[in-house]
Amino acid sequence: MDLNTWNMFWRLCFGLLGTLIVAGNILIIWMFFKLRRRKRSSFLLIGLGVADLLVGVLAIPLFIATYESASITTERIFHLIDMFTSISSIYTLAVISLERMFAIGWHLRHRTTNFRVYICAISIPWIIAAIFAVLFNRKLNFITGDSVIHLLVLFSATPLLVMCVAYFVIWRKQKSPICNHNNVIREAKLANTLFFITGASVFTWLPFQILILLVNLQITANFSHLHMTTFIIRVLQYSNSFVNVIIYPLRIPEFKNCLLHSLRCCVVPHRVFRAGVLPSVESGSVVSLVRFTSTQFLSPSSKLESVV
């Protein structure tokens, strides 16, 4: 099998990855809405989940369609959507890092922040993504070859610089002896979780940006395995949208407990049905069993204390 060309292997890889991204991020968004004690910061994480969900719903199917149909129109739509979803995701991570820095460094002011500020924080990455996507895909006259390279470096370096500064400030604040308040400790735990997500996202997102830069500099012109390299880096790039699905249950106990509780609620009725339990008017066995399972598995949900 020639991995340097588009074939069934790559169709399965991208198809499976897209399915996992869609299912995982729908679950993430649903779980955040299910947690009863939602805070304003959780809406930023929901925004990140929506951006990642669009990768699986739009970007990956269009990527597959581009190679299947070889249509210029499909390719243009794909480049527009792909850039829009990629930028919105990475810039949302940058905004989240700033929000965590503000929550830990200035927690009293953070608690009194107006909700409209969060609306603006959620909207800014999408606006930036739309502007960049239009600029790159309209091929405006003032965007020359050198300008494209400068814009690529600018749009890649800006969120990375913001995240580095924000998490450095968070690290310094955590070392401070005055940051021992319970609220600050709780915010710091979430910041550590988001740091892992950000690091993994940058690791999967950055190689494709480097590849684009090398292609525009015409360094890869004589590289014989460019297509295979592009496919591998594309898989790595799109897996960025599945990182949070893996890390959230591992790092947030309340999230894990709520997820397990939901799975148990789905499994228990299925087991009762498979066991052949029939309703009995005299014993009321079904009612008793349902009440028992409900009280047994309801307790984890009632004790959830969201850290977001």
C-alpha atoms as a PDB file:
ATOM      1  CA  MET A   1       0.000   0.000   0.000  1.00  0.00           C
ATOM      2  CA  ASP A   2       1.396   3.349  -1.072  1.00  0.00           C
ATOM      3  CA  LEU A   3       0.931   5.717   1.879  1.00  0.00           C
ATOM      4  CA  ASN A   4       2.154   8.621  -0.243  1.00  0.00           C
ATOM      5  CA  THR A   5      -1.194   8.655  -2.087  1.00  0.00           C
ATOM      6  CA  TRP A   6      -4.800   8.979  -0.946  1.00  0.00           C
ATOM      7  CA  ASN A   7      -6.227   5.488  -0.399  1.00  0.00           C
ATOM      8  CA  MET A   8      -8.529   3.416   1.817  1.00  0.00           C
ATOM      9  CA  PHE A   9      -6.102   3.523   4.742  1.00  0.00           C
ATOM     10  CA  TRP A  10      -6.255   7.306   4.977  1.00  0.00           C
ATOM     11  CA  ARG A  11     -10.029   7.282   4.450  1.00  0.00           C
ATOM     12  CA  LEU A  12     -10.412   5.002   7.477  1.00  0.00           C
ATOM     13  CA  CYS A  13      -7.956   7.031   9.581  1.00  0.00           C
ATOM     14  CA  PHE A  14      -9.658  10.369   8.995  1.00  0.00           C
ATOM     15  CA  GLY A  15     -13.151   8.873   9.092  1.00  0.00           C
ATOM     16  CA  LEU A  16     -12.521   7.188  12.447  1.00  0.00           C
ATOM     17  CA  LEU A  17     -10.837  10.294  13.856  1.00  0.00           C
ATOM     18  CA  GLY A  18     -13.749  12.487  12.768  1.00  0.00           C
ATOM     19  CA  THR A  19     -16.248  10.119  14.392  1.00  0.00           C
ATOM     20  CA  LEU A  20     -14.314  10.103  17.672  1.00  0.00           C
ATOM     21  CA  ILE A  21     -14.042  13.900  17.671  1.00  0.00           C
ATOM     22  CA  VAL A  22     -17.773  14.386  17.087  1.00  0.00           C
ATOM     23  CA  ALA A  23     -18.861  11.805  19.680  1.00  0.00           C
ATOM     24  CA  GLY A  24     -16.294  12.917  22.252  1.00  0.00           C
ATOM     25  CA  ASN A  25     -16.988  16.642  22.051  1.00  0.00           C
ATOM     26  CA  ILE A  26     -20.763  16.170  22.075  1.00  0.00           C
ATOM     27  CA  LEU A  27     -20.223  14.201  25.283  1.00  0.00           C
ATOM     28  CA  ILE A  28     -17.962  16.939  26.681  1.00  0.00           C
ATOM     29  CA  ILE A  29     -20.480  19.705  25.948  1.00  0.00           C
ATOM     30  CA  TRP A  30     -23.343  17.641  27.371  1.00  0.00           C
ATOM     31  CA  MET A  31     -21.383  16.852  30.529  1.00  0.00           C
ATOM     32  CA  PHE A  32     -20.593  20.521  31.190  1.00  0.00           C
ATOM     33  CA  PHE A  33     -24.270  21.394  30.839  1.00  0.00           C
ATOM     34  CA  LYS A  34     -25.205  18.432  33.057  1.00  0.00           C
ATOM     35  CA  LEU A  35     -23.010  19.565  35.943  1.00  0.00           C
ATOM     36  CA  ARG A  36     -25.341  21.534  38.169  1.00  0.00           C
ATOM     37  CA  ARG A  37     -22.917  24.064  39.651  1.00  0.00           C
ATOM     38  CA  ARG A  38     -21.757  25.670  36.449  1.00  0.00           C
ATOM     39  CA  LYS A  39     -19.557  28.746  36.635  1.00  0.00           C
ATOM     40  CA  ARG A  40     -18.926  31.374  34.016  1.00  0.00           C
ATOM     41  CA  SER A  41     -15.505  29.950  33.175  1.00  0.00           C
ATOM     42  CA  SER A  42     -17.124  26.698  32.074  1.00  0.00           C
ATOM     43  CA  PHE A  43     -18.741  28.497  29.148  1.00  0.00           C
ATOM     44  CA  LEU A  44     -15.264  29.134  27.742  1.00  0.00           C
ATOM     45  CA  LEU A  45     -14.638  25.390  27.885  1.00  0.00           C
ATOM     46  CA  ILE A  46     -17.974  24.779  26.162  1.00  0.00           C
ATOM     47  CA  GLY A  47     -16.856  27.229  23.475  1.00  0.00           C
ATOM     48  CA  LEU A  48     -13.666  25.209  23.050  1.00  0.00           C
ATOM     49  CA  GLY A  49     -15.745  22.049  22.755  1.00  0.00           C
ATOM     50  CA  VAL A  50     -17.900  23.652  20.053  1.00  0.00           C
ATOM     51  CA  ALA A  51     -14.793  24.711  18.095  1.00  0.00           C
ATOM     52  CA  ASP A  52     -13.402  21.178  18.318  1.00  0.00           C
ATOM     53  CA  LEU A  53     -16.794  19.720  17.406  1.00  0.00           C
ATOM     54  CA  LEU A  54     -16.835  21.749  14.178  1.00  0.00           C
ATOM     55  CA  VAL A  55     -13.529  20.133  13.221  1.00  0.00           C
ATOM     56  CA  GLY A  56     -15.182  16.712  13.261  1.00  0.00           C
ATOM     57  CA  VAL A  57     -18.469  17.871  11.732  1.00  0.00           C
ATOM     58  CA  LEU A  58     -17.120  20.123   8.956  1.00  0.00           C
ATOM     59  CA  ALA A  59     -13.328  20.205   8.532  1.00  0.00           C
ATOM     60  CA  ILE A  60     -12.565  16.468   8.355  1.00  0.00           C
ATOM     61  CA  PRO A  61     -15.513  15.538   6.068  1.00  0.00           C
ATOM     62  CA  LEU A  62     -14.542  18.383   3.722  1.00  0.00           C
ATOM     63  CA  PHE A  63     -10.915  17.235   3.835  1.00  0.00           C
ATOM     64  CA  ILE A  64     -11.994  13.746   2.747  1.00  0.00           C
ATOM     65  CA  ALA A  65     -14.323  15.199   0.094  1.00  0.00           C
ATOM     66  CA  THR A  66     -11.470  17.299  -1.300  1.00  0.00           C
ATOM     67  CA  TYR A  67      -9.474  14.174  -2.150  1.00  0.00           C
ATOM     68  CA  GLU A  68     -12.511  12.174  -3.251  1.00  0.00           C
ATOM     69  CA  SER A  69     -14.050  14.706  -5.640  1.00  0.00           C
ATOM     70  CA  ALA A  70     -11.050  16.828  -6.691  1.00  0.00           C
ATOM     71  CA  SER A  71     -13.441  19.788  -6.964  1.00  0.00           C
ATOM     72  CA  ILE A  72     -11.994  23.301  -6.837  1.00  0.00           C
ATOM     73  CA  THR A  73     -15.126  24.598  -5.103  1.00  0.00           C
ATOM     74  CA  THR A  74     -14.930  21.888  -2.436  1.00  0.00           C
ATOM     75  CA  GLU A  75     -11.254  22.645  -1.923  1.00  0.00           C
ATOM     76  CA  ARG A  76     -11.925  26.363  -1.422  1.00  0.00           C
ATOM     77  CA  ILE A  77     -14.711  25.679   1.066  1.00  0.00           C
ATOM     78  CA  PHE A  78     -12.467  23.216   2.893  1.00  0.00           C
ATOM     79  CA  HIS A  79      -9.590  25.696   3.229  1.00  0.00           C
ATOM     80  CA  LEU A  80     -11.986  28.339   4.555  1.00  0.00           C
ATOM     81  CA  ILE A  81     -13.587  26.023   7.131  1.00  0.00           C
ATOM     82  CA  ASP A  82     -10.305  24.353   8.077  1.00  0.00           C
ATOM     83  CA  MET A  83      -8.587  27.639   8.829  1.00  0.00           C
ATOM     84  CA  PHE A  84     -11.634  29.001  10.655  1.00  0.00           C
ATOM     85  CA  THR A  85     -11.960  25.995  12.986  1.00  0.00           C
ATOM     86  CA  SER A  86      -8.213  25.724  13.592  1.00  0.00           C
ATOM     87  CA  ILE A  87      -7.787  29.390  14.519  1.00  0.00           C
ATOM     88  CA  SER A  88     -10.928  29.528  16.664  1.00  0.00           C
ATOM     89  CA  SER A  89      -9.735  26.505  18.653  1.00  0.00           C
ATOM     90  CA  ILE A  90      -6.192  27.709  19.356  1.00  0.00           C
ATOM     91  CA  TYR A  91      -7.284  31.294  20.107  1.00  0.00           C
ATOM     92  CA  THR A  92      -9.961  30.005  22.483  1.00  0.00           C
ATOM     93  CA  LEU A  93      -7.169  28.209  24.352  1.00  0.00           C
ATOM     94  CA  ALA A  94      -5.294  31.522  24.535  1.00  0.00           C
ATOM     95  CA  VAL A  95      -8.364  33.285  25.953  1.00  0.00           C
ATOM     96  CA  ILE A  96      -8.853  30.463  28.475  1.00  0.00           C
ATOM     97  CA  SER A  97      -5.239  30.856  29.639  1.00  0.00           C
ATOM     98  CA  LEU A  98      -5.822  34.591  30.192  1.00  0.00           C
ATOM     99  CA  GLU A  99      -9.010  33.852  32.124  1.00  0.00           C
ATOM    100  CA  ARG A 100      -7.153  31.380  34.359  1.00  0.00           C
ATOM    101  CA  MET A 101      -4.386  33.928  34.941  1.00  0.00           C
ATOM    102  CA  PHE A 102      -6.980  36.508  35.957  1.00  0.00           C
ATOM    103  CA  ALA A 103      -8.794  33.994  38.200  1.00  0.00           C
ATOM    104  CA  ILE A 104      -5.625  33.088  40.122  1.00  0.00           C
ATOM    105  CA  GLY A 105      -3.761  36.387  40.132  1.00  0.00           C
ATOM    106  CA  TRP A 106      -6.720  38.646  40.835  1.00  0.00           C
ATOM    107  CA  HIS A 107      -9.334  36.253  42.186  1.00  0.00           C
ATOM    108  CA  LEU A 108     -11.401  38.892  44.021  1.00  0.00           C
ATOM    109  CA  ARG A 109     -11.878  40.989  40.901  1.00  0.00           C
ATOM    110  CA  HIS A 110     -12.431  37.810  38.896  1.00  0.00           C
ATOM    111  CA  ARG A 111     -15.377  36.819  41.078  1.00  0.00           C
ATOM    112  CA  THR A 112     -17.080  40.171  40.412  1.00  0.00           C
ATOM    113  CA  THR A 113     -16.441  40.197  36.660  1.00  0.00           C
ATOM    114  CA  ASN A 114     -19.509  41.012  34.590  1.00  0.00           C
ATOM    115  CA  PHE A 115     -20.941  38.197  32.487  1.00  0.00           C
ATOM    116  CA  ARG A 116     -20.714  40.428  29.408  1.00  0.00           C
ATOM    117  CA  VAL A 117     -16.931  40.192  29.675  1.00  0.00           C
ATOM    118  CA  TYR A 118     -17.217  36.431  29.210  1.00  0.00           C
ATOM    119  CA  ILE A 119     -19.493  36.928  26.209  1.00  0.00           C
ATOM    120  CA  CYS A 120     -16.781  39.105  24.646  1.00  0.00           C
ATOM    121  CA  ALA A 121     -14.086  36.571  25.587  1.00  0.00           C
ATOM    122  CA  ILE A 122     -16.039  33.784  23.885  1.00  0.00           C
ATOM    123  CA  SER A 123     -16.714  35.905  20.786  1.00  0.00           C
ATOM    124  CA  ILE A 124     -13.190  37.268  20.188  1.00  0.00           C
ATOM    125  CA  PRO A 125     -11.577  33.976  18.996  1.00  0.00           C
ATOM    126  CA  TRP A 126     -14.418  33.404  16.516  1.00  0.00           C
ATOM    127  CA  ILE A 127     -14.139  36.954  15.163  1.00  0.00           C
ATOM    128  CA  ILE A 128     -10.359  36.638  14.772  1.00  0.00           C
ATOM    129  CA  ALA A 129     -10.791  33.256  13.085  1.00  0.00           C
ATOM    130  CA  ALA A 130     -13.319  34.673  10.614  1.00  0.00           C
ATOM    131  CA  ILE A 131     -11.039  37.615   9.741  1.00  0.00           C
ATOM    132  CA  PHE A 132      -7.959  35.446   9.190  1.00  0.00           C
ATOM    133  CA  ALA A 133      -9.904  32.852   7.191  1.00  0.00           C
ATOM    134  CA  VAL A 134     -11.329  35.499   4.850  1.00  0.00           C
ATOM    135  CA  LEU A 135      -7.962  37.242   4.418  1.00  0.00           C
ATOM    136  CA  PHE A 136      -6.163  34.030   3.498  1.00  0.00           C
ATOM    137  CA  ASN A 137      -8.849  32.649   1.204  1.00  0.00           C
ATOM    138  CA  ARG A 138      -9.943  35.773  -0.687  1.00  0.00           C
ATOM    139  CA  LYS A 139      -6.383  36.232  -2.021  1.00  0.00           C
ATOM    140  CA  LEU A 140      -6.527  39.999  -1.758  1.00  0.00           C
ATOM    141  CA  ASN A 141      -4.144  42.064  -3.865  1.00  0.00           C
ATOM    142  CA  PHE A 142      -2.232  43.505  -0.927  1.00  0.00           C
ATOM    143  CA  ILE A 143      -1.397  40.025   0.393  1.00  0.00           C
ATOM    144  CA  THR A 144       1.806  39.151  -1.439  1.00  0.00           C
ATOM    145  CA  GLY A 145       4.021  36.095  -0.966  1.00  0.00           C
ATOM    146  CA  ASP A 146       6.029  37.759   1.794  1.00  0.00           C
ATOM    147  CA  SER A 147       2.849  39.011   3.459  1.00  0.00           C
ATOM    148  CA  VAL A 148       1.472  35.465   3.619  1.00  0.00           C
ATOM    149  CA  ILE A 149       4.575  34.288   5.469  1.00  0.00           C
ATOM    150  CA  HIS A 150       4.405  37.232   7.867  1.00  0.00           C
ATOM    151  CA  LEU A 151       0.718  36.594   8.548  1.00  0.00           C
ATOM    152  CA  LEU A 152       1.375  32.898   9.152  1.00  0.00           C
ATOM    153  CA  VAL A 153       4.091  33.689  11.674  1.00  0.00           C
ATOM    154  CA  LEU A 154       1.940  36.361  13.325  1.00  0.00           C
ATOM    155  CA  PHE A 155      -1.171  34.242  13.653  1.00  0.00           C
ATOM    156  CA  SER A 156       0.829  31.250  14.965  1.00  0.00           C
ATOM    157  CA  ALA A 157       3.069  33.169  17.356  1.00  0.00           C
ATOM    158  CA  THR A 158       0.397  35.382  18.944  1.00  0.00           C
ATOM    159  CA  PRO A 159      -1.603  32.682  20.802  1.00  0.00           C
ATOM    160  CA  LEU A 160       1.589  30.836  21.748  1.00  0.00           C
ATOM    161  CA  LEU A 161       3.068  34.000  23.253  1.00  0.00           C
ATOM    162  CA  VAL A 162      -0.158  34.779  25.110  1.00  0.00           C
ATOM    163  CA  MET A 163      -0.354  31.260  26.570  1.00  0.00           C
ATOM    164  CA  CYS A 164       3.314  31.259  27.605  1.00  0.00           C
ATOM    165  CA  VAL A 165       2.964  34.592  29.421  1.00  0.00           C
ATOM    166  CA  ALA A 166      -0.325  33.593  31.065  1.00  0.00           C
ATOM    167  CA  TYR A 167       0.890  30.253  32.400  1.00  0.00           C
ATOM    168  CA  PHE A 168       4.168  31.806  33.546  1.00  0.00           C
ATOM    169  CA  VAL A 169       2.172  34.319  35.609  1.00  0.00           C
ATOM    170  CA  ILE A 170       0.017  31.475  36.945  1.00  0.00           C
ATOM    171  CA  TRP A 171       3.144  29.545  37.934  1.00  0.00           C
ATOM    172  CA  ARG A 172       4.560  32.580  39.745  1.00  0.00           C
ATOM    173  CA  LYS A 173       1.280  33.240  41.534  1.00  0.00           C
ATOM    174  CA  GLN A 174       1.040  29.621  42.679  1.00  0.00           C
ATOM    175  CA  LYS A 175       4.468  29.953  44.290  1.00  0.00           C
ATOM    176  CA  SER A 176       3.313  32.993  46.235  1.00  0.00           C
ATOM    177  CA  PRO A 177       2.516  32.281  49.938  1.00  0.00           C
ATOM    178  CA  ILE A 178      -0.590  34.481  49.805  1.00  0.00           C
ATOM    179  CA  CYS A 179      -2.249  32.181  47.267  1.00  0.00           C
ATOM    180  CA  ASN A 180      -3.493  29.635  49.789  1.00  0.00           C
ATOM    181  CA  HIS A 181      -7.167  30.557  49.707  1.00  0.00           C
ATOM    182  CA  ASN A 182      -9.506  27.662  48.936  1.00  0.00           C
ATOM    183  CA  ASN A 183     -10.939  29.397  45.883  1.00  0.00           C
ATOM    184  CA  VAL A 184      -7.463  30.117  44.527  1.00  0.00           C
ATOM    185  CA  ILE A 185      -6.394  26.503  45.089  1.00  0.00           C
ATOM    186  CA  ARG A 186      -9.473  25.273  43.237  1.00  0.00           C
ATOM    187  CA  GLU A 187      -8.850  27.669  40.354  1.00  0.00           C
ATOM    188  CA  ALA A 188      -5.202  26.551  40.253  1.00  0.00           C
ATOM    189  CA  LYS A 189      -6.231  22.900  39.909  1.00  0.00           C
ATOM    190  CA  LEU A 190      -8.319  23.752  36.871  1.00  0.00           C
ATOM    191  CA  ALA A 191      -5.453  25.858  35.501  1.00  0.00           C
ATOM    192  CA  ASN A 192      -3.118  22.861  35.789  1.00  0.00           C
ATOM    193  CA  THR A 193      -5.611  20.695  33.900  1.00  0.00           C
ATOM    194  CA  LEU A 194      -5.965  23.302  31.169  1.00  0.00           C
ATOM    195  CA  PHE A 195      -2.182  23.602  31.003  1.00  0.00           C
ATOM    196  CA  PHE A 196      -1.986  19.904  30.075  1.00  0.00           C
ATOM    197  CA  ILE A 197      -4.694  20.403  27.447  1.00  0.00           C
ATOM    198  CA  THR A 198      -2.940  23.477  26.062  1.00  0.00           C
ATOM    199  CA  GLY A 199       0.436  21.741  25.929  1.00  0.00           C
ATOM    200  CA  ALA A 200      -0.998  18.714  24.138  1.00  0.00           C
ATOM    201  CA  SER A 201      -2.947  20.945  21.753  1.00  0.00           C
ATOM    202  CA  VAL A 202       0.106  23.005  20.851  1.00  0.00           C
ATOM    203  CA  PHE A 203       2.119  19.807  20.334  1.00  0.00           C
ATOM    204  CA  THR A 204      -0.457  18.515  17.838  1.00  0.00           C
ATOM    205  CA  TRP A 205      -1.261  21.881  16.216  1.00  0.00           C
ATOM    206  CA  LEU A 206       2.185  23.411  15.715  1.00  0.00           C
ATOM    207  CA  PRO A 207       3.701  20.853  13.256  1.00  0.00           C
ATOM    208  CA  PHE A 208       1.120  21.691  10.596  1.00  0.00           C
ATOM    209  CA  GLN A 209       1.819  25.410  10.940  1.00  0.00           C
ATOM    210  CA  ILE A 210       5.526  24.695  10.488  1.00  0.00           C
ATOM    211  CA  LEU A 211       4.734  22.574   7.420  1.00  0.00           C
ATOM    212  CA  ILE A 212       2.696  25.407   5.870  1.00  0.00           C
ATOM    213  CA  LEU A 213       5.572  27.805   6.492  1.00  0.00           C
ATOM    214  CA  LEU A 214       8.065  25.424   4.863  1.00  0.00           C
ATOM    215  CA  VAL A 215       5.782  24.962   1.844  1.00  0.00           C
ATOM    216  CA  ASN A 216       5.417  28.726   1.377  1.00  0.00           C
ATOM    217  CA  LEU A 217       9.195  29.097   1.622  1.00  0.00           C
ATOM    218  CA  GLN A 218       9.459  26.356  -1.066  1.00  0.00           C
ATOM    219  CA  ILE A 219      11.761  24.287   1.122  1.00  0.00           C
ATOM    220  CA  THR A 220       9.713  21.113   0.554  1.00  0.00           C
ATOM    221  CA  ALA A 221       9.660  21.387  -3.261  1.00  0.00           C
ATOM    222  CA  ASN A 222      11.953  18.375  -3.798  1.00  0.00           C
ATOM    223  CA  PHE A 223      10.686  16.266  -0.894  1.00  0.00           C
ATOM    224  CA  SER A 224       9.464  12.929  -2.322  1.00  0.00           C
ATOM    225  CA  HIS A 225       7.223  11.932   0.607  1.00  0.00           C
ATOM    226  CA  LEU A 226       5.438  15.256   1.016  1.00  0.00           C
ATOM    227  CA  HIS A 227       1.922  13.795   0.663  1.00  0.00           C
ATOM    228  CA  MET A 228       2.473  11.090   3.275  1.00  0.00           C
ATOM    229  CA  THR A 229       4.039  13.642   5.623  1.00  0.00           C
ATOM    230  CA  THR A 230       1.070  15.944   5.085  1.00  0.00           C
ATOM    231  CA  PHE A 231      -1.421  13.161   5.877  1.00  0.00           C
ATOM    232  CA  ILE A 232       0.434  12.215   9.077  1.00  0.00           C
ATOM    233  CA  ILE A 233       0.663  15.821  10.234  1.00  0.00           C
ATOM    234  CA  ARG A 234      -3.000  16.327   9.356  1.00  0.00           C
ATOM    235  CA  VAL A 235      -3.959  13.391  11.575  1.00  0.00           C
ATOM    236  CA  LEU A 236      -1.855  14.938  14.339  1.00  0.00           C
ATOM    237  CA  GLN A 237      -3.455  18.342  13.781  1.00  0.00           C
ATOM    238  CA  TYR A 238      -7.027  17.044  13.896  1.00  0.00           C
ATOM    239  CA  SER A 239      -6.293  14.900  16.956  1.00  0.00           C
ATOM    240  CA  ASN A 240      -5.872  18.257  18.709  1.00  0.00           C
ATOM    241  CA  SER A 241      -9.679  18.350  18.843  1.00  0.00           C
ATOM    242  CA  PHE A 242      -9.788  15.052  20.761  1.00  0.00           C
ATOM    243  CA  VAL A 243      -7.231  15.963  23.441  1.00  0.00           C
ATOM    244  CA  ASN A 244      -9.747  17.484  25.853  1.00  0.00           C
ATOM    245  CA  VAL A 245     -11.955  14.383  25.643  1.00  0.00           C
ATOM    246  CA  ILE A 246      -9.082  12.311  27.067  1.00  0.00           C
ATOM    247  CA  ILE A 247      -7.728  14.764  29.651  1.00  0.00           C
ATOM    248  CA  TYR A 248     -10.960  16.012  31.267  1.00  0.00           C
ATOM    249  CA  PRO A 249     -11.989  12.638  32.789  1.00  0.00           C
ATOM    250  CA  LEU A 250      -8.404  11.975  33.921  1.00  0.00           C
ATOM    251  CA  ARG A 251      -7.835  15.341  35.593  1.00  0.00           C
ATOM    252  CA  ILE A 252     -11.277  16.443  36.864  1.00  0.00           C
ATOM    253  CA  PRO A 253     -12.757  14.004  39.441  1.00  0.00           C
ATOM    254  CA  GLU A 254     -16.237  15.562  39.299  1.00  0.00           C
ATOM    255  CA  PHE A 255     -16.260  15.202  35.531  1.00  0.00           C
ATOM    256  CA  LYS A 256     -15.205  11.560  35.805  1.00  0.00           C
ATOM    257  CA  ASN A 257     -17.818  10.808  38.484  1.00  0.00           C
ATOM    258  CA  CYS A 258     -20.580  12.426  36.453  1.00  0.00           C
ATOM    259  CA  LEU A 259     -19.511  10.476  33.370  1.00  0.00           C
ATOM    260  CA  LEU A 260     -19.463   7.155  35.259  1.00  0.00           C
ATOM    261  CA  HIS A 261     -22.841   7.924  36.797  1.00  0.00           C
ATOM    262  CA  SER A 262     -24.328   8.567  33.354  1.00  0.00           C
ATOM    263  CA  LEU A 263     -22.869   5.334  32.003  1.00  0.00           C
ATOM    264  CA  ARG A 264     -24.261   3.389  34.970  1.00  0.00           C
ATOM    265  CA  CYS A 265     -27.705   4.851  34.398  1.00  0.00           C
ATOM    266  CA  CYS A 266     -27.534   3.602  30.808  1.00  0.00           C
ATOM    267  CA  VAL A 267     -26.227   0.144  31.736  1.00  0.00           C
ATOM    268  CA  VAL A 268     -28.480  -0.689  34.722  1.00  0.00           C
ATOM    269  CA  PRO A 269     -31.858  -0.527  32.897  1.00  0.00           C
ATOM    270  CA  HIS A 270     -30.344  -2.655  30.124  1.00  0.00           C
ATOM    271  CA  ARG A 271     -29.250  -5.282  32.660  1.00  0.00           C
ATOM    272  CA  VAL A 272     -32.674  -5.280  34.307  1.00  0.00           C
ATOM    273  CA  PHE A 273     -34.320  -5.863  30.937  1.00  0.00           C
ATOM    274  CA  ARG A 274     -31.872  -8.639  30.004  1.00  0.00           C
ATOM    275  CA  ALA A 275     -32.450 -10.335  33.374  1.00  0.00           C
ATOM    276  CA  GLY A 276     -36.122 -10.808  32.464  1.00  0.00           C
ATOM    277  CA  VAL A 277     -37.583  -9.003  35.488  1.00  0.00           C
ATOM    278  CA  LEU A 278     -41.345  -8.758  35.046  1.00  0.00           C
ATOM    279  CA  PRO A 279     -43.608  -6.382  36.948  1.00  0.00           C
ATOM    280  CA  SER A 280     -45.504  -7.879  39.861  1.00  0.00           C
ATOM    281  CA  VAL A 281     -48.514  -6.207  41.393  1.00  0.00           C
ATOM    282  CA  GLU A 282     -48.077  -7.971  44.728  1.00  0.00           C
ATOM    283  CA  SER A 283     -44.368  -7.620  45.288  1.00  0.00           C
ATOM    284  CA  GLY A 284     -43.746  -4.395  43.387  1.00  0.00           C
ATOM    285  CA  SER A 285     -40.294  -5.774  42.546  1.00  0.00           C
ATOM    286  CA  VAL A 286     -39.701  -3.542  39.557  1.00  0.00           C
ATOM    287  CA  VAL A 287     -40.568  -0.394  41.473  1.00  0.00           C
ATOM    288  CA  SER A 288     -38.351  -1.441  44.360  1.00  0.00           C
ATOM    289  CA  LEU A 289     -35.474  -2.276  42.042  1.00  0.00           C
ATOM    290  CA  VAL A 290     -35.760   1.027  40.182  1.00  0.00           C
ATOM    291  CA  ARG A 291     -35.843   2.956  43.441  1.00  0.00           C
ATOM    292  CA  PHE A 292     -32.826   1.066  44.737  1.00  0.00           C
ATOM    293  CA  THR A 293     -30.740   1.666  41.612  1.00  0.00           C
ATOM    294  CA  SER A 294     -31.792   5.311  41.446  1.00  0.00           C
ATOM    295  CA  THR A 295     -30.758   6.047  45.032  1.00  0.00           C
ATOM    296  CA  GLN A 296     -27.604   3.990  44.692  1.00  0.00           C
ATOM    297  CA  PHE A 297     -26.317   5.795  41.628  1.00  0.00           C
ATOM    298  CA  LEU A 298     -27.803   9.217  42.275  1.00  0.00           C
ATOM    299  CA  SER A 299     -25.436   9.995  45.135  1.00  0.00           C
ATOM    300  CA  PRO A 300     -22.332  10.756  43.023  1.00  0.00           C
ATOM    301  CA  SER A 301     -24.279  13.318  40.988  1.00  0.00           C
ATOM    302  CA  SER A 302     -25.624  15.039  44.092  1.00  0.00           C
ATOM    303  CA  LYS A 303     -22.127  15.441  45.499  1.00  0.00           C
ATOM    304  CA  LEU A 304     -20.638  16.990  42.368  1.00  0.00           C
ATOM    305  CA  GLU A 305     -18.740  20.160  42.975  1.00  0.00           C
ATOM    306  CA  SER A 306     -17.563  21.505  39.666  1.00  0.00           C
ATOM    307  CA  VAL A 307     -14.127  23.030  39.576  1.00  0.00           C
ATOM    308  CA  VAL A 308     -15.007  25.029  36.487  1.00  0.00           C
END
